[in-house]
Amino acid sequence: GPLAVSSANVHGEAAALRVSDAIEQLGDACTLYLDDGDASGPVPSTIVDLTGPRARVLRHGRLSTADLNAAVPGLIADDPPDSADDEA
């Protein structure tokens, strides 16, 4: 089933700083990869819950709500950044 994880890498492997790294490590275990270019360092992953009737950001990280909505218009409501962090 769906997993909420802190980074796009296999336990014990280096953090995926490029989408190709994540694909190499996770392969078909992940249904969708969003490529925002190479990561410049260890910034937390943005975690989005898509399992309910409405998408929710569980943790704000490298991708902002604006970034997500630019990729998928209307995906995330404009909630205050801290509102979903308390639920994670």
C-alpha atoms as a PDB file:
ATOM      1  CA  GLY A   1       0.000   0.000   0.000  1.00  0.00           C
ATOM      2  CA  PRO A   2       0.948   3.668   0.089  1.00  0.00           C
ATOM      3  CA  LEU A   3       3.923   4.663   2.191  1.00  0.00           C
ATOM      4  CA  ALA A   4       4.837   7.978   3.773  1.00  0.00           C
ATOM      5  CA  VAL A   5       8.609   8.039   3.916  1.00  0.00           C
ATOM      6  CA  SER A   6      11.107  10.748   4.671  1.00  0.00           C
ATOM      7  CA  SER A   7      13.183  10.484   1.510  1.00  0.00           C
ATOM      8  CA  ALA A   8      13.278   8.910  -1.921  1.00  0.00           C
ATOM      9  CA  ASN A   9      15.856   6.247  -1.238  1.00  0.00           C
ATOM     10  CA  VAL A  10      16.189   2.709  -0.002  1.00  0.00           C
ATOM     11  CA  HIS A  11      17.233   2.373   3.664  1.00  0.00           C
ATOM     12  CA  GLY A  12      21.005   2.452   3.882  1.00  0.00           C
ATOM     13  CA  GLU A  13      21.465   3.921   0.392  1.00  0.00           C
ATOM     14  CA  ALA A  14      22.457   7.482  -0.437  1.00  0.00           C
ATOM     15  CA  ALA A  15      19.703  10.088  -0.715  1.00  0.00           C
ATOM     16  CA  ALA A  16      18.294  10.407  -4.215  1.00  0.00           C
ATOM     17  CA  LEU A  17      19.359  13.859  -5.426  1.00  0.00           C
ATOM     18  CA  ARG A  18      18.127  13.255  -9.010  1.00  0.00           C
ATOM     19  CA  VAL A  19      14.950  11.598 -10.222  1.00  0.00           C
ATOM     20  CA  SER A  20      17.126   8.994 -11.958  1.00  0.00           C
ATOM     21  CA  ASP A  21      18.574   8.065  -8.525  1.00  0.00           C
ATOM     22  CA  ALA A  22      15.082   7.562  -7.116  1.00  0.00           C
ATOM     23  CA  ILE A  23      13.989   5.487 -10.112  1.00  0.00           C
ATOM     24  CA  GLU A  24      17.129   3.353  -9.843  1.00  0.00           C
ATOM     25  CA  GLN A  25      16.487   2.655  -6.154  1.00  0.00           C
ATOM     26  CA  LEU A  26      12.686   2.461  -6.078  1.00  0.00           C
ATOM     27  CA  GLY A  27      11.775   1.386  -9.616  1.00  0.00           C
ATOM     28  CA  ASP A  28       8.146   0.309 -10.036  1.00  0.00           C
ATOM     29  CA  ALA A  29       7.507   0.525  -6.273  1.00  0.00           C
ATOM     30  CA  CYS A  30       6.664   4.177  -6.890  1.00  0.00           C
ATOM     31  CA  THR A  31       3.886   4.931  -9.358  1.00  0.00           C
ATOM     32  CA  LEU A  32       4.725   8.579 -10.035  1.00  0.00           C
ATOM     33  CA  TYR A  33       7.967  10.532 -10.007  1.00  0.00           C
ATOM     34  CA  LEU A  34       7.941  14.352 -10.173  1.00  0.00           C
ATOM     35  CA  ASP A  35      11.218  15.696 -11.547  1.00  0.00           C
ATOM     36  CA  ASP A  36      12.105  19.179 -10.278  1.00  0.00           C
ATOM     37  CA  GLY A  37      15.720  18.902 -11.398  1.00  0.00           C
ATOM     38  CA  ASP A  38      18.776  17.984  -9.374  1.00  0.00           C
ATOM     39  CA  ALA A  39      18.607  18.589  -5.626  1.00  0.00           C
ATOM     40  CA  SER A  40      21.335  20.857  -4.348  1.00  0.00           C
ATOM     41  CA  GLY A  41      21.620  19.163  -0.983  1.00  0.00           C
ATOM     42  CA  PRO A  42      19.846  17.324   1.799  1.00  0.00           C
ATOM     43  CA  VAL A  43      16.587  19.320   1.881  1.00  0.00           C
ATOM     44  CA  PRO A  44      13.640  17.281   3.201  1.00  0.00           C
ATOM     45  CA  SER A  45      11.300  15.670   0.714  1.00  0.00           C
ATOM     46  CA  THR A  46       7.806  17.066   0.309  1.00  0.00           C
ATOM     47  CA  ILE A  47       5.378  14.314   1.297  1.00  0.00           C
ATOM     48  CA  VAL A  48       1.887  14.349  -0.219  1.00  0.00           C
ATOM     49  CA  ASP A  49      -0.931  12.008   0.807  1.00  0.00           C
ATOM     50  CA  LEU A  50      -3.022  11.141  -2.251  1.00  0.00           C
ATOM     51  CA  THR A  51      -4.979   8.306  -0.639  1.00  0.00           C
ATOM     52  CA  GLY A  52      -8.061  10.316   0.393  1.00  0.00           C
ATOM     53  CA  PRO A  53     -10.656  12.361  -1.436  1.00  0.00           C
ATOM     54  CA  ARG A  54      -8.397  15.433  -1.212  1.00  0.00           C
ATOM     55  CA  ALA A  55      -4.610  15.629  -1.537  1.00  0.00           C
ATOM     56  CA  ARG A  56      -2.831  16.741   1.646  1.00  0.00           C
ATOM     57  CA  VAL A  57       0.738  17.856   2.209  1.00  0.00           C
ATOM     58  CA  LEU A  58       2.037  15.853   5.157  1.00  0.00           C
ATOM     59  CA  ARG A  59       5.449  17.507   5.178  1.00  0.00           C
ATOM     60  CA  HIS A  60       6.539  20.646   3.370  1.00  0.00           C
ATOM     61  CA  GLY A  61      10.006  20.372   1.888  1.00  0.00           C
ATOM     62  CA  ARG A  62      11.750  21.164  -1.375  1.00  0.00           C
ATOM     63  CA  LEU A  63       8.471  21.327  -3.365  1.00  0.00           C
ATOM     64  CA  SER A  64       6.130  24.089  -2.241  1.00  0.00           C
ATOM     65  CA  THR A  65       2.354  24.084  -2.626  1.00  0.00           C
ATOM     66  CA  ALA A  66       2.853  26.431  -5.593  1.00  0.00           C
ATOM     67  CA  ASP A  67       5.317  23.970  -7.176  1.00  0.00           C
ATOM     68  CA  LEU A  68       2.858  21.092  -6.749  1.00  0.00           C
ATOM     69  CA  ASN A  69      -0.025  23.115  -8.174  1.00  0.00           C
ATOM     70  CA  ALA A  70       2.128  24.197 -11.117  1.00  0.00           C
ATOM     71  CA  ALA A  71       2.641  20.505 -11.955  1.00  0.00           C
ATOM     72  CA  VAL A  72      -0.967  19.495 -11.220  1.00  0.00           C
ATOM     73  CA  PRO A  73      -3.231  22.580 -11.106  1.00  0.00           C
ATOM     74  CA  GLY A  74      -5.558  22.585  -8.102  1.00  0.00           C
ATOM     75  CA  LEU A  75      -3.953  19.529  -6.495  1.00  0.00           C
ATOM     76  CA  ILE A  76      -3.376  21.147  -3.094  1.00  0.00           C
ATOM     77  CA  ALA A  77      -5.572  23.746  -1.398  1.00  0.00           C
ATOM     78  CA  ASP A  78      -3.720  26.810  -0.141  1.00  0.00           C
ATOM     79  CA  ASP A  79      -3.496  25.717   3.507  1.00  0.00           C
ATOM     80  CA  PRO A  80      -1.071  27.407   5.872  1.00  0.00           C
ATOM     81  CA  PRO A  81       2.282  25.541   5.709  1.00  0.00           C
ATOM     82  CA  ASP A  82       2.185  24.458   9.371  1.00  0.00           C
ATOM     83  CA  SER A  83      -1.351  23.026   9.326  1.00  0.00           C
ATOM     84  CA  ALA A  84      -0.448  19.655   7.800  1.00  0.00           C
ATOM     85  CA  ASP A  85       2.952  19.393   9.517  1.00  0.00           C
ATOM     86  CA  ASP A  86       1.256  18.928  12.892  1.00  0.00           C
ATOM     87  CA  GLU A  87      -0.568  15.853  11.575  1.00  0.00           C
ATOM     88  CA  ALA A  88       2.538  14.043  10.266  1.00  0.00           C
END
